[in-house]
N, C-alpha and C. Protein backbone atom coordinates (compact mmCIF):
# COMPACT_ATOMS: atom_id res chain seq x y z
N UNK A 1 -6.05 10.52 29.45
CA UNK A 1 -6.51 9.33 29.65
C UNK A 1 -7.80 9.27 30.00
N UNK A 2 -8.45 10.12 30.72
CA UNK A 2 -9.77 10.33 30.98
C UNK A 2 -10.73 10.38 29.83
N UNK A 3 -10.31 10.90 28.84
CA UNK A 3 -10.90 11.08 27.64
C UNK A 3 -10.98 9.88 26.89
N UNK A 4 -9.75 9.04 26.73
CA UNK A 4 -10.18 7.76 26.08
C UNK A 4 -10.94 6.90 26.82
N UNK A 5 -10.89 6.84 27.99
CA UNK A 5 -11.78 6.10 28.87
C UNK A 5 -13.17 6.56 28.65
N UNK A 6 -13.55 7.62 28.40
CA UNK A 6 -14.90 8.19 28.33
C UNK A 6 -15.48 7.75 26.80
N UNK A 7 -14.48 7.92 25.68
CA UNK A 7 -14.56 7.51 24.56
C UNK A 7 -15.00 6.07 24.29
N UNK A 8 -14.17 5.13 25.09
CA UNK A 8 -14.31 3.64 24.99
C UNK A 8 -15.63 3.39 25.88
N UNK A 9 -16.05 4.20 26.75
CA UNK A 9 -17.44 3.74 27.24
C UNK A 9 -18.53 4.21 26.24
N UNK A 10 -18.35 5.39 25.82
CA UNK A 10 -19.55 5.74 24.58
C UNK A 10 -19.53 4.60 23.53
N UNK A 11 -18.30 4.34 23.16
CA UNK A 11 -18.18 3.44 21.93
C UNK A 11 -18.97 2.16 22.40
N UNK A 12 -18.60 1.66 23.34
CA UNK A 12 -19.18 0.39 24.11
C UNK A 12 -20.72 0.17 24.14
N UNK A 13 -20.99 1.55 24.71
CA UNK A 13 -22.50 1.81 25.04
C UNK A 13 -23.20 1.85 23.60
N UNK A 14 -22.66 2.58 22.68
CA UNK A 14 -23.37 2.81 21.40
C UNK A 14 -23.34 1.41 20.66
N UNK A 15 -22.18 0.64 20.73
CA UNK A 15 -21.98 -0.80 19.99
C UNK A 15 -23.13 -1.65 20.55
N UNK A 16 -23.04 -1.62 21.99
CA UNK A 16 -24.10 -2.55 22.55
C UNK A 16 -25.47 -2.20 22.25
N UNK A 17 -25.93 -0.89 22.37
CA UNK A 17 -26.97 -0.51 22.18
C UNK A 17 -27.73 -0.78 20.76
N UNK A 18 -26.92 -0.65 19.87
CA UNK A 18 -27.27 -1.10 18.60
C UNK A 18 -27.60 -2.25 18.59
N UNK A 19 -26.54 -3.28 18.78
CA UNK A 19 -26.82 -4.67 18.60
C UNK A 19 -28.13 -5.18 19.52
N UNK A 20 -28.41 -4.68 20.73
CA UNK A 20 -29.67 -5.03 21.43
C UNK A 20 -30.89 -4.55 20.87
N UNK A 21 -30.87 -3.23 20.48
CA UNK A 21 -32.08 -2.74 20.06
C UNK A 21 -32.40 -3.16 18.43
N UNK A 22 -31.62 -3.80 17.87
CA UNK A 22 -31.98 -4.05 16.32
C UNK A 22 -32.96 -4.67 16.27
N UNK A 23 -34.06 -4.14 15.48
CA UNK A 23 -35.30 -4.58 15.32
C UNK A 23 -35.27 -6.08 14.37
N UNK A 24 -34.16 -6.46 13.95
CA UNK A 24 -34.15 -7.59 13.07
C UNK A 24 -33.22 -8.83 13.94
N UNK A 25 -33.30 -8.57 15.26
CA UNK A 25 -32.32 -9.78 15.81
C UNK A 25 -32.83 -10.94 16.01
N UNK A 26 -34.25 -11.27 15.86
CA UNK A 26 -34.65 -12.50 15.82
C UNK A 26 -34.21 -13.19 14.54
N UNK A 27 -34.12 -14.73 14.54
CA UNK A 27 -33.73 -15.20 13.23
C UNK A 27 -35.07 -15.25 12.08
N UNK A 28 -36.19 -15.41 12.55
CA UNK A 28 -37.31 -15.10 11.78
C UNK A 28 -37.37 -13.80 10.95
N UNK A 29 -37.05 -12.60 12.03
CA UNK A 29 -37.07 -11.43 11.46
C UNK A 29 -35.90 -11.33 10.61
N UNK A 30 -34.73 -11.64 10.84
CA UNK A 30 -33.68 -11.67 9.86
C UNK A 30 -34.05 -12.11 8.54
N UNK A 31 -34.69 -13.30 8.42
CA UNK A 31 -35.24 -13.91 7.26
C UNK A 31 -36.41 -13.04 6.37
N UNK A 32 -37.11 -12.41 7.36
CA UNK A 32 -38.33 -11.64 6.84
C UNK A 32 -37.92 -10.40 6.20
N UNK A 33 -36.68 -9.83 6.66
CA UNK A 33 -36.21 -8.44 6.18
C UNK A 33 -35.16 -8.81 5.26
N UNK A 34 -34.73 -9.64 4.79
CA UNK A 34 -33.70 -9.79 3.74
C UNK A 34 -34.08 -9.02 2.54
N UNK A 35 -33.26 -8.51 1.86
CA UNK A 35 -33.67 -7.72 0.81
C UNK A 35 -33.86 -6.17 1.45
N UNK A 36 -34.24 -5.95 2.53
CA UNK A 36 -34.37 -4.68 2.99
C UNK A 36 -33.53 -4.23 3.94
N UNK A 37 -32.24 -4.44 3.99
CA UNK A 37 -31.32 -4.07 4.74
C UNK A 37 -31.08 -2.64 4.77
N UNK A 38 -31.67 -2.01 5.71
CA UNK A 38 -31.38 -0.43 5.81
C UNK A 38 -31.21 -0.34 7.27
N UNK A 39 -30.53 1.03 7.48
CA UNK A 39 -30.36 1.24 9.01
C UNK A 39 -32.06 1.38 9.52
N UNK A 40 -32.12 1.60 10.90
CA UNK A 40 -33.41 1.85 11.20
C UNK A 40 -33.83 3.52 11.09
N UNK A 41 -32.74 4.03 10.94
CA UNK A 41 -33.14 5.69 10.74
C UNK A 41 -33.64 5.96 9.45
N UNK A 42 -33.17 5.20 8.47
CA UNK A 42 -33.42 5.40 7.16
C UNK A 42 -34.58 4.72 6.46
N UNK A 43 -35.34 3.59 7.20
CA UNK A 43 -36.10 2.74 6.85
C UNK A 43 -37.32 3.42 6.75
N UNK A 44 -38.21 3.39 5.62
CA UNK A 44 -39.64 4.17 5.56
C UNK A 44 -40.52 3.02 6.24
N UNK A 45 -41.66 3.49 6.66
CA UNK A 45 -42.58 2.73 7.41
C UNK A 45 -43.04 1.41 6.66
N UNK A 46 -43.16 1.48 5.06
CA UNK A 46 -43.62 0.29 4.62
C UNK A 46 -42.79 -0.62 4.03
N UNK A 47 -41.34 -0.26 3.88
CA UNK A 47 -40.48 -1.19 3.17
C UNK A 47 -40.35 -2.54 4.07
N UNK A 48 -40.09 -2.55 5.21
CA UNK A 48 -39.91 -3.68 6.05
C UNK A 48 -41.21 -4.63 6.05
N UNK A 49 -42.27 -4.05 6.29
CA UNK A 49 -43.55 -4.65 6.44
C UNK A 49 -43.93 -5.67 5.10
N UNK A 50 -43.60 -5.26 4.10
CA UNK A 50 -43.67 -5.98 2.75
C UNK A 50 -42.83 -7.28 2.98
N UNK A 51 -41.75 -7.28 3.42
CA UNK A 51 -40.55 -8.30 3.66
C UNK A 51 -41.38 -9.45 4.85
N UNK A 52 -41.95 -8.67 5.67
CA UNK A 52 -42.37 -9.62 6.70
C UNK A 52 -43.82 -10.15 6.36
N UNK A 53 -44.74 -9.34 5.59
CA UNK A 53 -46.00 -10.00 4.90
C UNK A 53 -45.60 -11.22 4.09
N UNK A 54 -44.54 -11.00 3.26
CA UNK A 54 -44.12 -12.21 2.32
C UNK A 54 -43.77 -13.40 3.16
N UNK A 55 -42.94 -13.13 4.17
CA UNK A 55 -42.41 -14.18 5.01
C UNK A 55 -43.61 -14.79 5.68
N UNK A 56 -44.39 -14.09 6.33
CA UNK A 56 -45.69 -14.84 6.89
C UNK A 56 -46.50 -15.78 6.03
N UNK A 57 -46.60 -14.98 4.89
CA UNK A 57 -47.41 -15.74 3.86
C UNK A 57 -46.79 -16.97 3.64
N UNK A 58 -45.51 -16.99 3.35
CA UNK A 58 -44.71 -18.35 3.16
C UNK A 58 -44.66 -19.15 4.59
N UNK A 59 -44.76 -18.60 5.44
CA UNK A 59 -44.67 -19.44 6.74
C UNK A 59 -46.03 -20.28 6.84
N UNK A 60 -47.21 -19.50 6.43
CA UNK A 60 -48.44 -19.84 6.69
C UNK A 60 -48.79 -21.07 5.81
N UNK A 61 -48.13 -21.11 4.49
CA UNK A 61 -48.22 -21.86 3.58
C UNK A 61 -47.42 -23.08 4.10
N UNK A 62 -46.31 -22.96 4.45
CA UNK A 62 -45.43 -24.29 5.13
C UNK A 62 -46.14 -24.92 6.01
N UNK A 63 -46.78 -24.21 7.07
CA UNK A 63 -47.34 -24.76 8.24
C UNK A 63 -48.76 -25.09 7.83
N UNK A 64 -49.33 -25.15 6.61
CA UNK A 64 -50.67 -25.22 6.32
C UNK A 64 -51.73 -24.91 7.01
N UNK A 65 -51.42 -23.55 7.40
CA UNK A 65 -52.43 -22.77 8.19
C UNK A 65 -53.95 -22.80 7.79
N UNK A 66 -54.89 -23.20 8.41
CA UNK A 66 -56.25 -22.86 7.85
C UNK A 66 -56.55 -21.40 7.75
N UNK A 67 -57.59 -20.89 7.10
CA UNK A 67 -57.95 -19.64 6.78
C UNK A 67 -58.31 -18.86 8.19
N UNK A 68 -58.91 -19.66 9.26
CA UNK A 68 -59.01 -19.00 10.44
C UNK A 68 -58.02 -18.54 11.18
N UNK A 69 -56.82 -19.75 11.11
CA UNK A 69 -55.65 -19.46 11.75
C UNK A 69 -55.00 -18.31 11.11
N UNK A 70 -55.00 -18.28 9.74
CA UNK A 70 -54.31 -17.01 9.07
C UNK A 70 -55.18 -15.82 9.79
N UNK A 71 -56.44 -15.58 9.67
CA UNK A 71 -57.07 -14.35 10.08
C UNK A 71 -56.61 -14.24 11.54
N UNK A 72 -56.48 -15.09 12.37
CA UNK A 72 -56.38 -14.87 13.72
C UNK A 72 -55.01 -14.25 13.99
N UNK A 73 -53.75 -14.86 13.25
CA UNK A 73 -52.68 -14.57 13.32
C UNK A 73 -52.15 -13.07 12.78
N UNK A 74 -53.05 -12.70 11.50
CA UNK A 74 -53.08 -11.58 11.06
C UNK A 74 -53.54 -10.39 12.09
N UNK A 75 -54.54 -10.59 12.69
CA UNK A 75 -55.39 -9.92 14.02
C UNK A 75 -54.38 -9.62 15.03
N UNK A 76 -53.67 -10.58 15.47
CA UNK A 76 -52.73 -10.38 16.54
C UNK A 76 -51.40 -9.48 16.02
N UNK A 77 -51.01 -9.81 14.76
CA UNK A 77 -49.97 -9.03 14.37
C UNK A 77 -50.26 -7.73 14.11
N UNK A 78 -51.38 -7.21 13.76
CA UNK A 78 -52.05 -5.99 13.38
C UNK A 78 -52.17 -5.34 14.82
N UNK A 79 -52.60 -5.94 15.65
CA UNK A 79 -52.96 -5.51 16.88
C UNK A 79 -51.32 -4.95 17.77
N UNK A 80 -50.41 -5.86 17.44
CA UNK A 80 -49.04 -5.61 17.99
C UNK A 80 -48.31 -4.43 17.30
N UNK A 81 -48.53 -4.45 16.05
CA UNK A 81 -47.85 -3.21 15.23
C UNK A 81 -47.60 -1.94 16.04
N UNK A 82 -48.75 -1.14 16.29
CA UNK A 82 -48.59 -0.19 16.68
C UNK A 82 -47.70 0.19 18.07
N UNK A 83 -47.64 -0.75 18.89
CA UNK A 83 -46.84 -0.87 20.08
C UNK A 83 -45.25 -1.00 19.61
N UNK A 84 -45.22 -2.02 19.00
CA UNK A 84 -43.56 -2.30 18.12
C UNK A 84 -42.97 -0.98 17.51
N UNK A 85 -43.81 -0.19 16.60
CA UNK A 85 -43.55 0.96 15.94
C UNK A 85 -43.34 1.97 16.98
N UNK A 86 -44.10 2.09 17.98
CA UNK A 86 -43.69 3.25 18.88
C UNK A 86 -42.63 2.85 19.49
N UNK A 87 -42.31 1.84 19.71
CA UNK A 87 -41.06 1.42 20.70
C UNK A 87 -39.87 1.76 19.86
N UNK A 88 -39.75 1.32 18.45
CA UNK A 88 -38.62 1.28 17.81
C UNK A 88 -38.52 2.70 17.40
N UNK A 89 -39.52 3.68 17.28
CA UNK A 89 -39.32 5.13 17.22
C UNK A 89 -38.65 5.68 18.31
N UNK A 90 -39.01 5.17 19.44
CA UNK A 90 -38.13 5.69 20.63
C UNK A 90 -36.85 5.33 20.78
N UNK A 91 -36.64 4.04 20.18
CA UNK A 91 -35.11 3.67 20.12
C UNK A 91 -34.53 4.54 19.08
N UNK A 92 -34.98 4.81 18.00
CA UNK A 92 -34.39 5.63 16.84
C UNK A 92 -33.86 7.01 17.46
N UNK A 93 -34.81 7.61 18.31
CA UNK A 93 -34.58 8.90 18.73
C UNK A 93 -33.62 8.90 19.83
N UNK A 94 -33.51 7.61 20.79
CA UNK A 94 -32.56 7.38 21.56
C UNK A 94 -31.22 7.19 20.83
N UNK A 95 -31.22 6.46 19.97
CA UNK A 95 -29.93 6.30 19.13
C UNK A 95 -29.39 7.62 18.54
N UNK A 96 -30.16 8.46 17.92
CA UNK A 96 -29.92 9.74 17.40
C UNK A 96 -29.34 10.56 18.73
N UNK A 97 -29.97 10.66 19.72
CA UNK A 97 -29.34 11.33 20.66
C UNK A 97 -27.86 11.02 21.26
N UNK A 98 -27.68 9.61 21.26
CA UNK A 98 -26.36 9.21 21.73
C UNK A 98 -25.38 9.73 20.80
N UNK A 99 -25.81 9.59 19.31
CA UNK A 99 -24.88 9.83 18.40
C UNK A 99 -24.63 11.30 18.52
N UNK A 100 -25.51 12.12 18.87
CA UNK A 100 -25.20 13.50 19.01
C UNK A 100 -24.27 13.86 20.12
N UNK A 101 -24.51 13.25 21.28
CA UNK A 101 -23.50 13.40 22.42
C UNK A 101 -22.14 12.90 22.12
N UNK A 102 -22.02 11.91 21.38
CA UNK A 102 -20.74 11.48 20.96
C UNK A 102 -20.00 12.44 19.95
N UNK A 103 -20.93 13.41 19.40
CA UNK A 103 -19.97 14.38 18.45
C UNK A 103 -19.82 15.46 19.34
N UNK A 104 -20.24 15.78 20.56
CA UNK A 104 -20.05 16.94 21.17
C UNK A 104 -18.41 16.94 21.92
N UNK A 105 -18.07 18.25 21.90
CA UNK A 105 -16.42 18.30 22.43
C UNK A 105 -16.48 17.80 23.82
N UNK A 106 -17.39 17.99 24.46
CA UNK A 106 -17.31 17.45 25.89
C UNK A 106 -18.55 16.56 26.27
N UNK A 107 -18.19 15.49 26.93
CA UNK A 107 -19.17 14.31 27.06
C UNK A 107 -19.98 14.70 28.31
N UNK A 108 -20.96 14.39 28.47
CA UNK A 108 -22.02 14.61 29.41
C UNK A 108 -22.34 13.21 29.92
N UNK A 109 -21.60 12.66 30.97
CA UNK A 109 -21.71 11.60 31.45
C UNK A 109 -23.02 10.94 31.85
N UNK A 110 -23.75 12.03 32.75
CA UNK A 110 -24.99 11.64 33.24
C UNK A 110 -25.97 11.50 32.36
N UNK A 111 -25.83 12.35 31.14
CA UNK A 111 -26.81 12.10 29.81
C UNK A 111 -26.73 10.71 29.20
N UNK A 112 -25.51 10.68 29.15
CA UNK A 112 -25.19 9.25 28.43
C UNK A 112 -25.73 8.00 29.20
N UNK A 113 -25.54 8.01 30.49
CA UNK A 113 -26.10 7.07 31.49
C UNK A 113 -27.56 6.95 31.40
N UNK A 114 -28.38 8.16 31.59
CA UNK A 114 -29.47 8.33 31.20
C UNK A 114 -30.10 7.70 30.02
N UNK A 115 -29.49 8.14 29.05
CA UNK A 115 -29.90 7.47 27.71
C UNK A 115 -29.55 6.03 27.40
N UNK A 116 -28.63 5.50 28.26
CA UNK A 116 -28.21 3.93 28.25
C UNK A 116 -29.24 3.46 28.95
N UNK A 117 -29.80 3.89 30.20
CA UNK A 117 -30.73 3.23 30.89
C UNK A 117 -32.05 3.28 30.01
N UNK A 118 -32.21 4.32 29.44
CA UNK A 118 -33.59 4.44 28.72
C UNK A 118 -33.58 3.35 27.46
N UNK A 119 -32.57 3.16 26.79
CA UNK A 119 -32.25 2.17 25.87
C UNK A 119 -32.43 0.79 26.52
N UNK A 120 -32.20 0.37 27.60
CA UNK A 120 -32.30 -0.90 28.15
C UNK A 120 -33.80 -1.11 28.46
N UNK A 121 -34.54 -0.13 28.87
CA UNK A 121 -35.88 -0.12 29.20
C UNK A 121 -36.72 -0.25 27.81
N UNK A 122 -36.20 0.37 26.90
CA UNK A 122 -36.97 0.30 25.56
C UNK A 122 -36.71 -1.30 24.88
N UNK A 123 -35.60 -1.44 25.06
CA UNK A 123 -35.41 -3.12 24.61
C UNK A 123 -36.13 -3.97 25.37
N UNK A 124 -36.33 -3.77 26.69
CA UNK A 124 -37.09 -4.60 27.44
C UNK A 124 -38.52 -4.58 27.04
N UNK A 125 -39.18 -3.40 26.77
CA UNK A 125 -40.53 -3.32 26.29
C UNK A 125 -40.59 -4.06 24.87
N UNK A 126 -39.52 -3.99 23.98
CA UNK A 126 -39.89 -4.51 22.73
C UNK A 126 -39.84 -6.07 22.79
N UNK A 127 -38.98 -6.72 23.63
CA UNK A 127 -38.86 -8.01 23.70
C UNK A 127 -40.05 -8.52 24.36
N UNK A 128 -40.46 -7.75 25.37
CA UNK A 128 -41.78 -8.31 26.09
C UNK A 128 -42.95 -8.23 24.98
N UNK A 129 -43.02 -7.28 24.24
CA UNK A 129 -44.09 -7.12 23.09
C UNK A 129 -43.96 -8.23 22.21
N UNK A 130 -42.94 -8.47 21.58
CA UNK A 130 -42.40 -9.86 20.84
C UNK A 130 -42.93 -11.00 21.40
N UNK A 131 -42.49 -11.30 22.50
CA UNK A 131 -42.84 -12.52 23.15
C UNK A 131 -44.31 -12.52 23.38
N UNK A 132 -44.96 -11.65 23.93
CA UNK A 132 -46.35 -11.62 23.80
C UNK A 132 -46.92 -12.01 22.74
N UNK A 133 -46.63 -11.50 21.59
CA UNK A 133 -47.02 -11.68 20.13
C UNK A 133 -46.83 -13.26 19.90
N UNK A 134 -45.47 -13.50 20.02
CA UNK A 134 -45.30 -15.17 19.68
C UNK A 134 -46.20 -15.92 20.49
N UNK A 135 -46.23 -15.66 21.72
CA UNK A 135 -47.03 -16.54 22.51
C UNK A 135 -48.57 -16.59 22.22
N UNK A 136 -49.00 -15.53 21.79
CA UNK A 136 -50.49 -15.62 21.14
C UNK A 136 -50.56 -16.22 19.85
N UNK A 137 -49.58 -16.10 19.02
CA UNK A 137 -49.63 -16.79 17.85
C UNK A 137 -49.44 -18.22 18.02
N UNK A 138 -48.48 -18.50 19.04
CA UNK A 138 -48.24 -20.09 19.44
C UNK A 138 -49.77 -20.66 19.83
N UNK A 139 -50.61 -19.99 20.52
CA UNK A 139 -51.87 -20.49 21.17
C UNK A 139 -52.74 -20.80 19.77
N UNK A 140 -52.36 -20.37 18.81
CA UNK A 140 -53.47 -20.60 17.62
C UNK A 140 -53.03 -21.81 16.93
N UNK A 141 -51.54 -22.07 16.66
CA UNK A 141 -51.17 -23.26 16.13
C UNK A 141 -51.23 -24.70 16.72
N UNK A 142 -51.38 -25.79 15.94
CA UNK A 142 -51.65 -27.06 16.63
C UNK A 142 -50.16 -27.48 17.04
N UNK A 143 -50.00 -28.55 17.99
CA UNK A 143 -48.99 -29.08 18.46
C UNK A 143 -47.84 -29.26 17.22
N UNK A 144 -48.37 -30.05 16.19
CA UNK A 144 -47.76 -30.27 14.95
C UNK A 144 -46.90 -29.03 14.44
N UNK A 145 -47.83 -27.80 14.50
CA UNK A 145 -47.35 -26.75 13.54
C UNK A 145 -46.32 -25.81 14.38
N UNK A 146 -46.66 -26.09 15.86
CA UNK A 146 -45.61 -25.35 16.81
C UNK A 146 -44.12 -26.00 16.53
N UNK A 147 -44.20 -27.33 16.65
CA UNK A 147 -43.16 -28.21 16.28
C UNK A 147 -42.45 -27.85 15.02
N UNK A 148 -43.17 -27.74 13.97
CA UNK A 148 -42.68 -27.40 12.59
C UNK A 148 -41.90 -25.70 12.61
N UNK A 149 -42.78 -25.18 13.26
CA UNK A 149 -42.44 -23.73 13.41
C UNK A 149 -40.91 -23.51 14.05
N UNK A 150 -40.98 -24.28 15.23
CA UNK A 150 -39.77 -24.21 16.01
C UNK A 150 -38.37 -24.82 15.13
N UNK A 151 -38.53 -25.86 14.58
CA UNK A 151 -37.44 -26.41 13.74
C UNK A 151 -37.20 -25.37 12.46
N UNK A 152 -38.12 -24.72 11.90
CA UNK A 152 -37.86 -23.75 11.12
C UNK A 152 -37.04 -22.53 11.63
N UNK A 153 -37.51 -22.24 12.74
CA UNK A 153 -36.67 -21.08 13.33
C UNK A 153 -35.19 -21.62 13.78
N UNK A 154 -34.91 -22.77 14.09
CA UNK A 154 -33.71 -23.43 14.53
C UNK A 154 -32.71 -23.28 13.32
N UNK A 155 -33.50 -23.85 11.96
CA UNK A 155 -32.91 -23.96 10.91
C UNK A 155 -32.43 -22.40 10.35
N UNK A 156 -33.15 -21.53 10.64
CA UNK A 156 -32.97 -20.09 10.07
C UNK A 156 -32.02 -19.56 10.97
N UNK A 157 -31.83 -19.93 12.41
CA UNK A 157 -30.82 -19.42 13.27
C UNK A 157 -29.44 -19.98 13.02
N UNK A 158 -29.36 -21.19 12.67
CA UNK A 158 -27.94 -21.83 12.07
C UNK A 158 -27.55 -21.21 10.89
N UNK A 159 -28.35 -20.92 10.05
CA UNK A 159 -28.01 -20.25 8.73
C UNK A 159 -27.79 -18.88 8.88
N UNK A 160 -28.10 -18.31 9.78
CA UNK A 160 -27.99 -16.76 9.96
C UNK A 160 -26.42 -16.62 10.58
N UNK A 161 -25.98 -17.83 11.26
CA UNK A 161 -24.94 -17.53 12.09
C UNK A 161 -23.49 -17.96 10.96
N UNK A 162 -23.86 -18.73 10.13
CA UNK A 162 -22.62 -19.20 9.27
C UNK A 162 -21.97 -18.08 8.62
């Protein structure tokens, strides 16, 4: 009975960790990464970025961004890239460690809990960095562009759930 409980706990932690740490969890990022659906462990550095660049180029056209706005947003995104990449790498390492623990004949409850706490902290860091980046980008947009961006995100969110 204890083994079943432990396996259930591990499965729940792994499933929730994967969902929470999914780097494509936001609607705009799902759209940006369409066509590049790979696990985080197998994605090469450049693949996802091409999709994101194409997405942002399309968004910039739709929002009718000026060349100054485009340059400012690109600078913000470039500044954020190393931080988010480092966090994502830590999340991948954490996920691998949890998978290895699940394969062991004996479960190390304290290590699972430690990794689960680390995962939570990493997700918090990633969400914080994304929010800072979005905020900085929002400061560059006009009120009309912000409203248009909001509507596009809502539209994508509804399509993603269908």
